[in-house]
Protein backbone atom coordinates (compact mmCIF):
# COMPACT_ATOMS: atom_id res chain seq x y z
CA VAL A 1 44.30 -5.51 186.96
CA GLU A 2 41.56 -4.02 189.10
CA VAL A 3 41.95 -4.11 192.88
CA GLU A 4 39.22 -2.79 195.14
CA SER A 5 40.48 -0.61 197.96
CA ASP A 6 40.62 -1.78 201.59
CA LEU A 7 40.34 -5.47 200.87
CA PRO A 8 40.10 -7.87 203.80
CA ARG A 9 42.90 -10.29 204.63
CA ILE A 10 42.68 -13.96 203.87
CA GLN A 11 44.41 -16.80 205.68
CA GLY A 12 46.41 -19.16 203.50
CA ASP A 13 49.60 -20.42 201.98
CA ARG A 14 50.93 -17.57 199.86
CA GLN A 15 52.92 -19.84 197.53
CA GLN A 16 50.00 -22.15 196.84
CA LEU A 17 47.65 -19.24 196.16
CA LYS A 18 50.24 -17.70 193.81
CA GLN A 19 50.43 -21.05 192.03
CA VAL A 20 46.68 -21.00 191.43
CA ILE A 21 46.67 -17.44 190.03
CA LEU A 22 49.74 -18.16 187.88
CA ASN A 23 48.07 -21.28 186.48
CA LEU A 24 44.92 -19.34 185.58
CA VAL A 25 46.92 -16.56 183.92
CA LEU A 26 49.06 -19.02 181.95
CA ASN A 27 45.92 -20.84 180.78
CA SER A 28 44.46 -17.49 179.72
CA LEU A 29 47.64 -16.63 177.83
CA ASP A 30 47.36 -19.91 175.93
CA ALA A 31 43.70 -19.18 175.14
CA VAL A 32 44.00 -15.59 173.92
CA GLY A 33 47.03 -15.68 171.67
CA ASP A 34 48.44 -12.43 170.28
CA GLY A 35 46.30 -9.37 170.84
CA GLY A 36 44.13 -10.98 173.48
CA ARG A 37 42.97 -9.47 176.76
CA ILE A 38 43.29 -10.83 180.29
CA GLU A 39 41.68 -9.05 183.22
CA ILE A 40 42.30 -9.82 186.88
CA ARG A 41 39.93 -8.40 189.47
CA LEU A 42 40.12 -8.58 193.27
CA LYS A 43 37.12 -7.46 195.25
CA ARG A 44 35.12 -8.06 198.37
CA HIS A 45 32.29 -10.53 197.99
CA GLU A 46 29.60 -10.17 200.59
CA ALA A 47 30.89 -9.45 204.09
CA ALA A 48 33.13 -12.43 204.71
CA PHE A 49 34.69 -13.31 201.35
CA LEU A 50 37.30 -12.12 198.89
CA ARG A 51 36.73 -12.77 195.19
CA VAL A 52 39.41 -13.08 192.52
CA GLU A 53 38.33 -13.15 188.89
CA VAL A 54 40.56 -14.01 185.94
CA GLU A 55 38.84 -13.26 182.63
CA ASP A 56 40.11 -13.61 179.10
CA ASN A 57 38.67 -13.05 175.64
CA GLY A 58 40.11 -16.25 174.20
CA ALA A 59 38.53 -19.19 172.45
CA GLY A 60 36.42 -20.19 175.44
CA ILE A 61 35.47 -23.65 176.68
CA PRO A 62 32.63 -25.56 175.04
CA ALA A 63 29.65 -26.18 177.34
CA ASP A 64 29.99 -29.96 177.14
CA LEU A 65 33.60 -29.79 178.38
CA LEU A 66 33.10 -27.22 181.14
CA PRO A 67 31.91 -29.75 183.78
CA HIS A 68 35.18 -31.70 183.35
CA ILE A 69 37.83 -28.97 183.51
CA PHE A 70 38.72 -29.63 187.16
CA ASP A 71 39.04 -33.41 186.62
CA PRO A 72 42.60 -34.76 186.94
CA PHE A 73 44.35 -35.25 183.57
CA PHE A 74 41.55 -33.56 181.61
CA THR A 75 42.90 -31.09 179.08
CA THR A 76 41.74 -29.38 175.92
CA LYS A 77 45.33 -28.55 174.95
CA PRO A 78 47.19 -30.38 172.18
CA VAL A 79 49.37 -33.37 173.07
CA GLY A 80 52.59 -32.20 174.68
CA LYS A 81 51.15 -28.81 175.65
CA GLY A 82 49.46 -29.61 178.97
CA THR A 83 49.12 -32.41 181.50
CA GLY A 84 45.57 -31.71 182.62
CA LEU A 85 46.70 -31.26 186.21
CA GLY A 86 46.79 -27.46 186.57
CA LEU A 87 43.10 -26.86 187.17
CA SER A 88 42.71 -30.03 189.23
CA VAL A 89 45.56 -28.99 191.54
CA SER A 90 44.19 -25.43 191.66
CA HIS A 91 40.77 -26.75 192.66
CA GLY A 92 42.37 -28.78 195.44
CA ILE A 93 44.34 -25.80 196.75
CA ILE A 94 41.33 -23.50 196.81
CA THR A 95 39.16 -26.15 198.46
CA LYS A 96 41.86 -26.72 201.09
CA HIS A 97 41.73 -22.99 201.82
CA GLY A 98 37.98 -23.19 202.47
CA GLY A 99 37.08 -21.53 199.20
CA ARG A 100 35.72 -22.47 195.81
CA ILE A 101 36.77 -22.04 192.21
CA GLU A 102 34.28 -21.88 189.37
CA ALA A 103 34.39 -21.25 185.64
CA GLU A 104 31.97 -19.85 183.13
CA SER A 105 32.61 -19.54 179.45
CA VAL A 106 31.04 -18.27 176.26
CA PRO A 107 32.87 -20.01 173.40
CA GLY A 108 34.46 -17.52 171.05
CA GLN A 109 33.99 -14.65 173.51
CA LYS A 110 35.28 -15.15 177.03
CA THR A 111 36.12 -17.38 179.96
CA VAL A 112 35.97 -16.25 183.58
CA PHE A 113 37.47 -18.17 186.48
CA THR A 114 36.17 -17.01 189.85
CA ILE A 115 37.89 -17.85 193.13
CA THR A 116 36.02 -17.11 196.35
CA LEU A 117 37.99 -17.28 199.60
CA PRO A 118 36.91 -16.69 203.20
CA CYS A 119 38.33 -13.60 204.88
CA GLU A 120 40.05 -13.31 208.22
CA ALA A 121 38.23 -11.53 211.00
CA SER A 122 40.92 -8.86 211.04
CA PRO A 123 41.42 -5.28 209.89
CA THR A 124 41.51 -4.58 206.16
CA ILE A 125 44.74 -4.15 204.21
CA GLN A 126 45.71 -1.49 201.72
CA ASN A 127 46.31 -2.08 197.99
CA ASP A 128 50.04 -1.54 198.32
CA VAL A 129 50.50 -4.70 200.39
CA PRO A 130 51.49 -7.65 198.16
């Protein structure tokens, strides 16, 4: 986990935003298997945005499937392993918060989910604030 110092505040529903991050981390855990790596980075993006990146070194997502990953009920997981709703719900939550969620992937090397959220026009917070 890498957290830039003095990050700006964002306005939003804490539980819903936790749900999004948890979903991305759980998806990464499924993708990497034993011995894999998951990195989470929080940083300022331009003046008015906060960026959260969740990167793993798992199997990756094939280019032809990438445009569909936020579609409801779309999943690459085996039957019984996923409903295909996690990324769709996450997309809806982030959009509702005025942000965007994007994914890039290099099959066999890595997948990076990037969430960009607008910041409040308020003082910055310290890293030790959850």
